[in-house]
N, C-alpha and C. Protein backbone atom coordinates (compact mmCIF):
# COMPACT_ATOMS: atom_id res chain seq x y z
N MET A 1 -15.41 -14.52 4.69
CA MET A 1 -14.25 -13.64 4.69
C MET A 1 -14.40 -12.59 3.59
N PHE A 2 -14.00 -11.36 3.90
CA PHE A 2 -14.15 -10.24 2.97
C PHE A 2 -12.80 -9.57 2.79
N LEU A 3 -12.37 -9.41 1.54
CA LEU A 3 -11.10 -8.73 1.26
C LEU A 3 -11.37 -7.28 0.87
N LEU A 4 -10.85 -6.36 1.68
CA LEU A 4 -11.03 -4.93 1.43
C LEU A 4 -9.69 -4.32 1.07
N GLY A 5 -9.58 -3.82 -0.15
CA GLY A 5 -8.36 -3.12 -0.55
C GLY A 5 -8.41 -1.71 0.03
N LEU A 6 -7.28 -1.26 0.56
CA LEU A 6 -7.20 0.10 1.11
C LEU A 6 -6.15 0.86 0.32
N THR A 7 -6.54 1.99 -0.25
CA THR A 7 -5.62 2.76 -1.06
C THR A 7 -5.75 4.24 -0.74
N GLY A 8 -4.84 5.00 -1.30
CA GLY A 8 -4.83 6.44 -1.09
C GLY A 8 -3.46 6.95 -1.45
N SER A 9 -3.39 8.14 -1.98
CA SER A 9 -2.12 8.70 -2.40
C SER A 9 -1.28 9.10 -1.19
N ILE A 10 -0.02 9.39 -1.44
CA ILE A 10 0.93 9.78 -0.39
C ILE A 10 0.37 10.94 0.46
N GLY A 11 0.51 10.82 1.78
CA GLY A 11 0.09 11.90 2.67
C GLY A 11 -1.40 12.02 2.92
N MET A 12 -2.17 11.02 2.46
CA MET A 12 -3.63 11.08 2.61
C MET A 12 -4.11 10.51 3.95
N GLY A 13 -3.23 9.84 4.68
CA GLY A 13 -3.64 9.28 5.98
C GLY A 13 -3.96 7.80 5.93
N LYS A 14 -3.39 7.10 4.96
CA LYS A 14 -3.71 5.68 4.77
C LYS A 14 -3.21 4.81 5.92
N SER A 15 -1.98 5.05 6.38
CA SER A 15 -1.43 4.23 7.47
C SER A 15 -2.24 4.39 8.75
N THR A 16 -2.62 5.62 9.05
CA THR A 16 -3.44 5.89 10.24
C THR A 16 -4.80 5.21 10.10
N THR A 17 -5.39 5.31 8.91
CA THR A 17 -6.70 4.70 8.66
C THR A 17 -6.61 3.17 8.76
N ALA A 18 -5.50 2.60 8.28
CA ALA A 18 -5.31 1.14 8.37
C ALA A 18 -5.36 0.69 9.83
N LYS A 19 -4.73 1.46 10.71
CA LYS A 19 -4.74 1.12 12.15
C LYS A 19 -6.16 1.20 12.72
N LEU A 20 -6.96 2.11 12.21
CA LEU A 20 -8.36 2.23 12.68
C LEU A 20 -9.15 0.96 12.32
N PHE A 21 -8.85 0.38 11.17
CA PHE A 21 -9.51 -0.89 10.79
C PHE A 21 -9.10 -2.01 11.75
N VAL A 22 -7.83 -2.03 12.14
CA VAL A 22 -7.36 -3.03 13.10
C VAL A 22 -8.10 -2.86 14.42
N ASP A 23 -8.30 -1.59 14.85
CA ASP A 23 -9.06 -1.30 16.08
C ASP A 23 -10.46 -1.89 16.03
N GLU A 24 -11.01 -2.05 14.81
CA GLU A 24 -12.37 -2.59 14.64
C GLU A 24 -12.36 -4.11 14.45
N GLY A 25 -11.21 -4.75 14.68
CA GLY A 25 -11.15 -6.21 14.61
C GLY A 25 -10.85 -6.78 13.24
N CYS A 26 -10.29 -5.97 12.34
CA CYS A 26 -9.92 -6.46 11.01
C CYS A 26 -8.45 -6.89 11.01
N ALA A 27 -8.13 -7.82 10.13
CA ALA A 27 -6.72 -8.19 9.91
C ALA A 27 -6.15 -7.19 8.91
N LEU A 28 -4.84 -6.92 9.01
CA LEU A 28 -4.22 -5.94 8.11
C LEU A 28 -2.96 -6.52 7.48
N TRP A 29 -2.93 -6.51 6.15
CA TRP A 29 -1.73 -6.86 5.40
C TRP A 29 -1.25 -5.60 4.70
N ASP A 30 0.04 -5.31 4.84
CA ASP A 30 0.61 -4.07 4.32
C ASP A 30 1.61 -4.40 3.22
N ALA A 31 1.35 -3.93 1.99
CA ALA A 31 2.22 -4.22 0.85
C ALA A 31 3.63 -3.69 1.07
N ASP A 32 3.76 -2.47 1.61
CA ASP A 32 5.09 -1.89 1.83
C ASP A 32 5.88 -2.69 2.86
N ALA A 33 5.19 -3.13 3.92
CA ALA A 33 5.85 -3.95 4.95
C ALA A 33 6.30 -5.28 4.36
N ALA A 34 5.51 -5.83 3.44
CA ALA A 34 5.88 -7.10 2.79
C ALA A 34 7.17 -6.91 1.99
N VAL A 35 7.27 -5.80 1.26
CA VAL A 35 8.48 -5.53 0.47
C VAL A 35 9.68 -5.39 1.40
N HIS A 36 9.49 -4.70 2.54
CA HIS A 36 10.58 -4.57 3.52
C HIS A 36 11.06 -5.95 3.99
N ARG A 37 10.11 -6.85 4.27
CA ARG A 37 10.48 -8.22 4.69
C ARG A 37 11.26 -8.94 3.59
N LEU A 38 10.79 -8.80 2.36
CA LEU A 38 11.42 -9.48 1.24
C LEU A 38 12.82 -8.95 0.95
N TYR A 39 13.03 -7.64 1.19
CA TYR A 39 14.32 -7.00 0.95
C TYR A 39 15.28 -7.14 2.14
N GLY A 40 14.75 -7.45 3.30
CA GLY A 40 15.57 -7.51 4.52
C GLY A 40 16.56 -8.66 4.49
N ALA A 41 17.48 -8.68 5.46
CA ALA A 41 18.51 -9.72 5.54
C ALA A 41 17.86 -11.10 5.48
N GLY A 42 18.27 -11.90 4.50
CA GLY A 42 17.72 -13.25 4.34
C GLY A 42 16.35 -13.30 3.70
N GLY A 43 15.83 -12.15 3.25
CA GLY A 43 14.50 -12.09 2.60
C GLY A 43 14.50 -12.82 1.27
N ALA A 44 13.33 -13.26 0.85
CA ALA A 44 13.20 -14.07 -0.37
C ALA A 44 13.65 -13.33 -1.63
N ALA A 45 13.58 -12.00 -1.64
CA ALA A 45 13.95 -11.25 -2.84
C ALA A 45 15.46 -11.08 -2.98
N VAL A 46 16.19 -11.25 -1.87
CA VAL A 46 17.63 -10.94 -1.86
C VAL A 46 18.42 -11.74 -2.90
N PRO A 47 18.34 -13.10 -2.91
CA PRO A 47 19.13 -13.83 -3.91
C PRO A 47 18.68 -13.56 -5.34
N LEU A 48 17.37 -13.36 -5.54
CA LEU A 48 16.84 -13.15 -6.89
C LEU A 48 17.29 -11.80 -7.44
N ILE A 49 17.21 -10.76 -6.62
CA ILE A 49 17.67 -9.44 -7.06
C ILE A 49 19.19 -9.46 -7.20
N GLY A 50 19.86 -10.18 -6.28
CA GLY A 50 21.31 -10.30 -6.35
C GLY A 50 21.80 -10.92 -7.64
N ASN A 51 21.04 -11.89 -8.18
CA ASN A 51 21.42 -12.53 -9.45
C ASN A 51 21.42 -11.52 -10.60
N SER A 52 20.40 -10.65 -10.62
CA SER A 52 20.29 -9.68 -11.71
C SER A 52 21.08 -8.40 -11.45
N PHE A 53 21.13 -8.00 -10.18
CA PHE A 53 21.77 -6.73 -9.82
C PHE A 53 22.67 -6.92 -8.59
N PRO A 54 23.84 -7.55 -8.78
CA PRO A 54 24.71 -7.87 -7.64
C PRO A 54 25.07 -6.65 -6.78
N THR A 55 25.17 -5.47 -7.41
CA THR A 55 25.56 -4.27 -6.64
C THR A 55 24.45 -3.77 -5.71
N ALA A 56 23.24 -4.31 -5.87
CA ALA A 56 22.12 -3.87 -5.02
C ALA A 56 22.15 -4.53 -3.64
N ILE A 57 22.99 -5.55 -3.48
CA ILE A 57 23.00 -6.32 -2.22
C ILE A 57 24.08 -5.78 -1.28
N GLU A 58 23.67 -5.56 -0.05
CA GLU A 58 24.57 -5.05 0.98
C GLU A 58 24.24 -5.78 2.28
N GLU A 59 25.20 -6.46 2.87
CA GLU A 59 25.00 -7.20 4.12
C GLU A 59 23.81 -8.16 4.04
N ASN A 60 23.76 -8.95 2.96
CA ASN A 60 22.71 -9.97 2.74
C ASN A 60 21.30 -9.39 2.72
N ALA A 61 21.19 -8.10 2.33
CA ALA A 61 19.88 -7.45 2.19
C ALA A 61 19.92 -6.59 0.93
N VAL A 62 18.72 -6.25 0.42
CA VAL A 62 18.65 -5.37 -0.75
C VAL A 62 18.74 -3.93 -0.24
N SER A 63 19.68 -3.18 -0.79
CA SER A 63 19.82 -1.77 -0.45
C SER A 63 18.87 -0.95 -1.33
N ARG A 64 17.87 -0.34 -0.73
CA ARG A 64 16.92 0.49 -1.51
C ARG A 64 17.64 1.66 -2.17
N GLU A 65 18.64 2.19 -1.48
CA GLU A 65 19.40 3.32 -2.02
C GLU A 65 20.12 2.90 -3.30
N ARG A 66 20.76 1.72 -3.25
CA ARG A 66 21.47 1.23 -4.44
C ARG A 66 20.49 0.87 -5.56
N LEU A 67 19.32 0.33 -5.19
CA LEU A 67 18.29 0.04 -6.22
C LEU A 67 17.88 1.31 -6.93
N LYS A 68 17.68 2.40 -6.15
CA LYS A 68 17.30 3.68 -6.75
C LYS A 68 18.35 4.12 -7.77
N GLN A 69 19.63 3.98 -7.42
CA GLN A 69 20.72 4.38 -8.32
C GLN A 69 20.71 3.52 -9.59
N ILE A 70 20.47 2.22 -9.42
CA ILE A 70 20.41 1.31 -10.57
C ILE A 70 19.27 1.71 -11.50
N ILE A 71 18.10 2.00 -10.92
CA ILE A 71 16.91 2.38 -11.71
C ILE A 71 17.15 3.70 -12.44
N LEU A 72 17.80 4.65 -11.76
CA LEU A 72 18.11 5.94 -12.40
C LEU A 72 19.06 5.75 -13.58
N ALA A 73 20.04 4.85 -13.43
CA ALA A 73 21.04 4.62 -14.47
C ALA A 73 20.48 3.79 -15.64
N ASP A 74 19.51 2.92 -15.34
CA ASP A 74 18.99 2.01 -16.36
C ASP A 74 17.46 1.94 -16.27
N PRO A 75 16.78 2.66 -17.18
CA PRO A 75 15.31 2.70 -17.13
C PRO A 75 14.62 1.34 -17.23
N THR A 76 15.30 0.34 -17.81
CA THR A 76 14.68 -1.00 -17.94
C THR A 76 14.77 -1.79 -16.63
N ALA A 77 15.60 -1.33 -15.70
CA ALA A 77 15.82 -2.08 -14.45
C ALA A 77 14.54 -2.20 -13.63
N LEU A 78 13.73 -1.13 -13.61
CA LEU A 78 12.51 -1.15 -12.79
C LEU A 78 11.60 -2.31 -13.18
N LYS A 79 11.41 -2.50 -14.49
CA LYS A 79 10.55 -3.61 -14.96
C LYS A 79 11.11 -4.96 -14.50
N GLN A 80 12.42 -5.13 -14.55
CA GLN A 80 13.05 -6.38 -14.11
C GLN A 80 12.84 -6.59 -12.60
N ILE A 81 13.01 -5.52 -11.83
CA ILE A 81 12.86 -5.61 -10.38
C ILE A 81 11.41 -5.94 -10.04
N GLU A 82 10.46 -5.27 -10.71
CA GLU A 82 9.04 -5.54 -10.48
C GLU A 82 8.69 -6.99 -10.81
N ALA A 83 9.29 -7.51 -11.89
CA ALA A 83 9.03 -8.90 -12.30
C ALA A 83 9.50 -9.89 -11.24
N ILE A 84 10.52 -9.51 -10.48
CA ILE A 84 11.02 -10.36 -9.38
C ILE A 84 10.15 -10.19 -8.14
N VAL A 85 9.86 -8.93 -7.80
CA VAL A 85 9.24 -8.62 -6.50
C VAL A 85 7.73 -8.86 -6.47
N HIS A 86 7.02 -8.50 -7.55
CA HIS A 86 5.55 -8.61 -7.52
C HIS A 86 5.04 -10.02 -7.23
N PRO A 87 5.61 -11.08 -7.85
CA PRO A 87 5.13 -12.43 -7.51
C PRO A 87 5.39 -12.79 -6.04
N LEU A 88 6.53 -12.33 -5.50
CA LEU A 88 6.86 -12.61 -4.09
C LEU A 88 5.87 -11.90 -3.16
N VAL A 89 5.52 -10.66 -3.51
CA VAL A 89 4.54 -9.91 -2.72
C VAL A 89 3.19 -10.63 -2.78
N GLY A 90 2.84 -11.12 -3.96
CA GLY A 90 1.59 -11.88 -4.12
C GLY A 90 1.56 -13.13 -3.25
N GLN A 91 2.69 -13.84 -3.18
CA GLN A 91 2.77 -15.04 -2.33
C GLN A 91 2.64 -14.66 -0.85
N ASP A 92 3.29 -13.57 -0.46
CA ASP A 92 3.23 -13.10 0.93
C ASP A 92 1.77 -12.78 1.30
N ARG A 93 1.07 -12.10 0.39
CA ARG A 93 -0.33 -11.73 0.62
C ARG A 93 -1.21 -12.98 0.72
N ALA A 94 -0.99 -13.92 -0.19
CA ALA A 94 -1.81 -15.14 -0.21
C ALA A 94 -1.64 -15.94 1.08
N SER A 95 -0.40 -16.04 1.59
CA SER A 95 -0.20 -16.82 2.82
C SER A 95 -0.79 -16.08 4.02
N PHE A 96 -0.75 -14.74 3.99
CA PHE A 96 -1.37 -13.96 5.07
C PHE A 96 -2.89 -14.22 5.09
N ILE A 97 -3.51 -14.15 3.91
CA ILE A 97 -4.96 -14.36 3.80
C ILE A 97 -5.32 -15.77 4.27
N ALA A 98 -4.53 -16.75 3.88
CA ALA A 98 -4.80 -18.15 4.24
C ALA A 98 -4.76 -18.36 5.75
N GLN A 99 -3.92 -17.59 6.46
CA GLN A 99 -3.76 -17.77 7.90
C GLN A 99 -4.67 -16.88 8.75
N ALA A 100 -5.26 -15.85 8.12
CA ALA A 100 -6.06 -14.89 8.90
C ALA A 100 -7.34 -15.53 9.43
N LYS A 101 -7.70 -15.15 10.65
CA LYS A 101 -8.91 -15.68 11.29
C LYS A 101 -10.06 -14.65 11.27
N GLU A 102 -9.73 -13.39 11.01
CA GLU A 102 -10.72 -12.32 11.05
C GLU A 102 -11.69 -12.40 9.87
N ASP A 103 -12.88 -11.82 10.04
CA ASP A 103 -13.88 -11.85 8.97
C ASP A 103 -13.57 -10.84 7.86
N ILE A 104 -12.86 -9.76 8.20
CA ILE A 104 -12.49 -8.74 7.20
C ILE A 104 -10.97 -8.64 7.18
N ILE A 105 -10.42 -8.78 5.98
CA ILE A 105 -8.97 -8.62 5.81
C ILE A 105 -8.75 -7.36 4.98
N VAL A 106 -8.04 -6.40 5.57
CA VAL A 106 -7.73 -5.15 4.89
C VAL A 106 -6.36 -5.31 4.24
N LEU A 107 -6.32 -5.11 2.94
CA LEU A 107 -5.07 -5.20 2.19
C LEU A 107 -4.63 -3.77 1.84
N ASP A 108 -3.61 -3.29 2.55
CA ASP A 108 -3.10 -1.93 2.35
C ASP A 108 -2.20 -1.95 1.12
N ILE A 109 -2.76 -1.51 -0.02
CA ILE A 109 -2.04 -1.55 -1.30
C ILE A 109 -2.11 -0.16 -1.93
N PRO A 110 -1.05 0.65 -1.74
CA PRO A 110 -1.08 2.02 -2.25
C PRO A 110 -1.40 2.12 -3.75
N LEU A 111 -0.84 1.21 -4.56
CA LEU A 111 -1.02 1.29 -6.01
C LEU A 111 -2.02 0.25 -6.52
N ILE A 112 -3.11 0.05 -5.79
CA ILE A 112 -4.06 -1.01 -6.17
C ILE A 112 -4.64 -0.80 -7.57
N TYR A 113 -4.98 0.45 -7.92
CA TYR A 113 -5.54 0.70 -9.25
C TYR A 113 -4.45 0.68 -10.32
N GLU A 114 -3.29 1.23 -9.96
CA GLU A 114 -2.19 1.28 -10.93
C GLU A 114 -1.70 -0.11 -11.32
N THR A 115 -1.88 -1.10 -10.43
CA THR A 115 -1.40 -2.47 -10.70
C THR A 115 -2.55 -3.44 -11.03
N GLY A 116 -3.77 -2.92 -11.17
CA GLY A 116 -4.90 -3.78 -11.49
C GLY A 116 -5.35 -4.67 -10.34
N GLY A 117 -4.96 -4.31 -9.12
CA GLY A 117 -5.26 -5.13 -7.95
C GLY A 117 -6.70 -5.09 -7.49
N GLU A 118 -7.49 -4.13 -8.00
CA GLU A 118 -8.88 -4.02 -7.54
C GLU A 118 -9.70 -5.25 -7.91
N GLY A 119 -9.26 -6.00 -8.92
CA GLY A 119 -9.97 -7.21 -9.32
C GLY A 119 -9.76 -8.38 -8.36
N LYS A 120 -8.80 -8.24 -7.45
CA LYS A 120 -8.48 -9.33 -6.51
C LYS A 120 -9.09 -9.13 -5.13
N VAL A 121 -9.90 -8.08 -4.97
CA VAL A 121 -10.54 -7.80 -3.67
C VAL A 121 -12.04 -7.69 -3.85
N ASP A 122 -12.77 -7.75 -2.72
CA ASP A 122 -14.23 -7.66 -2.77
C ASP A 122 -14.72 -6.22 -2.87
N ALA A 123 -13.91 -5.29 -2.35
CA ALA A 123 -14.25 -3.86 -2.41
C ALA A 123 -12.98 -3.06 -2.15
N VAL A 124 -13.02 -1.78 -2.50
CA VAL A 124 -11.87 -0.89 -2.27
C VAL A 124 -12.33 0.31 -1.45
N ALA A 125 -11.55 0.64 -0.43
CA ALA A 125 -11.76 1.87 0.35
C ALA A 125 -10.60 2.80 0.01
N CYS A 126 -10.92 4.05 -0.26
CA CYS A 126 -9.91 5.04 -0.62
C CYS A 126 -9.91 6.16 0.42
N VAL A 127 -8.73 6.48 0.95
CA VAL A 127 -8.63 7.62 1.86
C VAL A 127 -8.32 8.86 1.05
N ILE A 128 -8.89 9.99 1.50
CA ILE A 128 -8.72 11.22 0.72
C ILE A 128 -8.66 12.44 1.63
N ILE A 129 -7.93 13.44 1.16
CA ILE A 129 -7.84 14.72 1.85
C ILE A 129 -7.55 15.76 0.77
N ASP A 130 -7.79 17.03 1.07
CA ASP A 130 -7.55 18.06 0.05
C ASP A 130 -6.05 18.16 -0.26
N PRO A 131 -5.69 18.59 -1.49
CA PRO A 131 -4.29 18.62 -1.92
C PRO A 131 -3.38 19.47 -1.02
N GLU A 132 -3.90 20.55 -0.48
CA GLU A 132 -3.07 21.42 0.38
C GLU A 132 -2.67 20.70 1.67
N THR A 133 -3.64 20.05 2.31
CA THR A 133 -3.36 19.29 3.55
C THR A 133 -2.41 18.14 3.24
N GLN A 134 -2.64 17.47 2.09
CA GLN A 134 -1.77 16.37 1.67
C GLN A 134 -0.32 16.85 1.62
N LYS A 135 -0.08 17.97 0.94
CA LYS A 135 1.29 18.48 0.78
C LYS A 135 1.88 18.86 2.14
N GLN A 136 1.08 19.52 2.99
CA GLN A 136 1.56 19.91 4.33
C GLN A 136 2.00 18.68 5.13
N ARG A 137 1.18 17.61 5.09
CA ARG A 137 1.51 16.38 5.83
C ARG A 137 2.82 15.78 5.36
N VAL A 138 2.98 15.69 4.04
CA VAL A 138 4.20 15.08 3.50
C VAL A 138 5.42 15.94 3.84
N MET A 139 5.29 17.26 3.69
CA MET A 139 6.42 18.16 3.97
C MET A 139 6.78 18.12 5.47
N ALA A 140 5.77 17.94 6.32
CA ALA A 140 6.00 17.89 7.77
C ALA A 140 6.85 16.68 8.17
N ARG A 141 6.83 15.63 7.37
CA ARG A 141 7.64 14.43 7.67
C ARG A 141 9.13 14.74 7.55
N GLY A 142 9.47 15.71 6.70
CA GLY A 142 10.87 16.09 6.51
C GLY A 142 11.70 15.05 5.79
N THR A 143 11.05 14.17 5.01
CA THR A 143 11.79 13.10 4.34
C THR A 143 11.99 13.36 2.85
N MET A 144 11.35 14.39 2.31
CA MET A 144 11.52 14.67 0.88
C MET A 144 11.33 16.15 0.57
N THR A 145 11.83 16.53 -0.59
CA THR A 145 11.70 17.92 -1.05
C THR A 145 10.34 18.08 -1.73
N PRO A 146 9.88 19.33 -1.88
CA PRO A 146 8.62 19.55 -2.63
C PRO A 146 8.68 18.96 -4.04
N GLU A 147 9.87 19.00 -4.66
CA GLU A 147 10.02 18.44 -6.01
C GLU A 147 9.83 16.92 -6.01
N GLN A 148 10.44 16.25 -5.02
CA GLN A 148 10.29 14.79 -4.92
C GLN A 148 8.82 14.42 -4.69
N PHE A 149 8.16 15.21 -3.86
CA PHE A 149 6.74 14.98 -3.58
C PHE A 149 5.92 15.07 -4.88
N GLU A 150 6.19 16.10 -5.69
CA GLU A 150 5.45 16.28 -6.94
C GLU A 150 5.69 15.11 -7.90
N VAL A 151 6.93 14.61 -7.94
CA VAL A 151 7.25 13.45 -8.80
C VAL A 151 6.40 12.25 -8.38
N ILE A 152 6.34 11.99 -7.08
CA ILE A 152 5.55 10.86 -6.57
C ILE A 152 4.07 11.09 -6.88
N ARG A 153 3.61 12.32 -6.64
CA ARG A 153 2.18 12.61 -6.86
C ARG A 153 1.81 12.40 -8.34
N THR A 154 2.70 12.75 -9.26
CA THR A 154 2.37 12.59 -10.68
C THR A 154 2.39 11.12 -11.11
N LYS A 155 3.11 10.27 -10.38
CA LYS A 155 3.16 8.84 -10.72
C LYS A 155 1.91 8.11 -10.23
N GLN A 156 1.23 8.67 -9.24
CA GLN A 156 0.04 8.03 -8.69
C GLN A 156 -1.20 8.52 -9.43
N LEU A 157 -2.18 7.65 -9.53
CA LEU A 157 -3.46 8.01 -10.12
C LEU A 157 -4.01 9.21 -9.34
N PRO A 158 -4.59 10.21 -9.99
CA PRO A 158 -5.12 11.35 -9.24
C PRO A 158 -6.09 10.90 -8.14
N ALA A 159 -5.99 11.57 -6.99
CA ALA A 159 -6.78 11.17 -5.81
C ALA A 159 -8.28 11.15 -6.10
N ASP A 160 -8.79 12.16 -6.83
CA ASP A 160 -10.23 12.19 -7.10
C ASP A 160 -10.66 11.04 -8.00
N GLU A 161 -9.75 10.61 -8.89
CA GLU A 161 -10.06 9.46 -9.76
C GLU A 161 -10.11 8.17 -8.93
N LYS A 162 -9.15 8.01 -7.99
CA LYS A 162 -9.18 6.84 -7.10
C LYS A 162 -10.48 6.82 -6.31
N ALA A 163 -10.84 7.98 -5.76
CA ALA A 163 -12.05 8.07 -4.93
C ALA A 163 -13.29 7.73 -5.76
N ALA A 164 -13.33 8.19 -7.01
CA ALA A 164 -14.49 7.93 -7.87
C ALA A 164 -14.64 6.44 -8.17
N ARG A 165 -13.51 5.71 -8.22
CA ARG A 165 -13.56 4.28 -8.53
C ARG A 165 -13.80 3.42 -7.29
N ALA A 166 -13.57 3.99 -6.10
CA ALA A 166 -13.64 3.21 -4.85
C ALA A 166 -15.08 2.92 -4.44
N ASP A 167 -15.26 1.83 -3.68
CA ASP A 167 -16.57 1.48 -3.12
C ASP A 167 -16.86 2.31 -1.87
N TYR A 168 -15.79 2.65 -1.14
CA TYR A 168 -15.91 3.46 0.08
C TYR A 168 -14.86 4.57 0.02
N VAL A 169 -15.26 5.77 0.45
CA VAL A 169 -14.31 6.88 0.52
C VAL A 169 -14.26 7.37 1.96
N ILE A 170 -13.04 7.49 2.49
CA ILE A 170 -12.85 7.91 3.88
C ILE A 170 -12.06 9.22 3.88
N THR A 171 -12.69 10.29 4.37
CA THR A 171 -12.02 11.59 4.44
C THR A 171 -11.26 11.66 5.77
N THR A 172 -9.98 11.96 5.69
CA THR A 172 -9.12 11.90 6.87
C THR A 172 -8.80 13.30 7.43
N ASP A 173 -9.80 14.17 7.46
CA ASP A 173 -9.55 15.53 7.97
C ASP A 173 -9.26 15.53 9.48
N THR A 174 -9.98 14.69 10.23
CA THR A 174 -9.66 14.52 11.66
C THR A 174 -9.68 13.03 11.97
N ILE A 175 -8.98 12.64 13.01
CA ILE A 175 -8.93 11.22 13.39
C ILE A 175 -10.32 10.74 13.82
N GLU A 176 -11.08 11.60 14.49
CA GLU A 176 -12.43 11.22 14.95
C GLU A 176 -13.34 10.95 13.75
N ASN A 177 -13.27 11.82 12.76
CA ASN A 177 -14.10 11.66 11.57
C ASN A 177 -13.69 10.40 10.80
N ALA A 178 -12.38 10.18 10.68
CA ALA A 178 -11.90 8.98 9.98
C ALA A 178 -12.37 7.72 10.72
N ARG A 179 -12.26 7.72 12.06
CA ARG A 179 -12.68 6.56 12.85
C ARG A 179 -14.17 6.27 12.64
N ARG A 180 -15.00 7.31 12.65
CA ARG A 180 -16.44 7.14 12.47
C ARG A 180 -16.72 6.51 11.09
N GLN A 181 -16.03 6.99 10.06
CA GLN A 181 -16.24 6.45 8.71
C GLN A 181 -15.76 5.00 8.61
N VAL A 182 -14.64 4.69 9.24
CA VAL A 182 -14.13 3.31 9.25
C VAL A 182 -15.16 2.40 9.92
N GLN A 183 -15.72 2.84 11.03
CA GLN A 183 -16.74 2.04 11.73
C GLN A 183 -17.94 1.80 10.83
N GLU A 184 -18.33 2.82 10.04
CA GLU A 184 -19.46 2.66 9.11
C GLU A 184 -19.14 1.64 8.01
N VAL A 185 -17.91 1.70 7.49
CA VAL A 185 -17.49 0.75 6.45
C VAL A 185 -17.52 -0.68 7.00
N VAL A 186 -16.95 -0.87 8.19
CA VAL A 186 -16.90 -2.20 8.81
C VAL A 186 -18.32 -2.72 9.06
N LYS A 187 -19.18 -1.85 9.55
CA LYS A 187 -20.57 -2.24 9.82
C LYS A 187 -21.26 -2.66 8.51
N ASP A 188 -21.05 -1.89 7.45
CA ASP A 188 -21.66 -2.20 6.16
C ASP A 188 -21.16 -3.56 5.63
N ILE A 189 -19.85 -3.79 5.74
CA ILE A 189 -19.29 -5.07 5.24
C ILE A 189 -19.82 -6.24 6.08
N ARG A 190 -19.89 -6.06 7.39
CA ARG A 190 -20.37 -7.16 8.24
C ARG A 190 -21.85 -7.46 7.97
N GLU A 191 -22.63 -6.43 7.61
CA GLU A 191 -24.03 -6.64 7.18
C GLU A 191 -24.04 -7.52 5.92
N LYS A 192 -23.18 -7.17 4.97
CA LYS A 192 -23.11 -7.92 3.70
C LYS A 192 -22.73 -9.37 3.96
N LEU A 193 -21.75 -9.58 4.85
CA LEU A 193 -21.32 -10.94 5.18
C LEU A 193 -22.45 -11.75 5.81
N ARG A 194 -23.25 -11.08 6.63
CA ARG A 194 -24.36 -11.75 7.31
C ARG A 194 -25.41 -12.23 6.32
N HIS A 195 -25.59 -11.42 5.24
CA HIS A 195 -26.63 -11.75 4.26
C HIS A 195 -26.09 -12.49 3.05
N ALA A 196 -24.81 -12.82 3.08
CA ALA A 196 -24.20 -13.49 1.91
C ALA A 196 -24.67 -14.95 1.81
């Protein structure tokens, strides 16, 4: 079994690339989806966050909107929330890995370098695109302002630095090109597994 971390900054095409790995027979665990499960009605994070931040709970689920307001009002809140959520995300990931039957497990972790997660995988693949295309993609979603985008971009490790640290770099200029590169990565990993 091979654990491949998949990372890339906002708007780089990571979600699309993750699906291409699934097309090649890899298992996929998504950190953001895990957080959604944990925050959802009856999720494991709900009572724990509710104990520390009762106003964050709405209809037996964690309200992301209310969490944002809490974090804006209290800069120390983010550290407390992370201390609750990160271990739960780790447990979710561990149980996914334990149940997976595929030879390659792709762990979609946007902040893998920022959280020191690269030490927990066998290799890291980073998706990349030029900054102009990145901004166009994010703005096309219509979910944030250019200012919000810049705030997120400054919180993430620069894309070229991520790419320099990665074992594999996948340029997402076209879906065909991304698919070809994903196939090469999978082929390379399966070669390594065969000779391990």
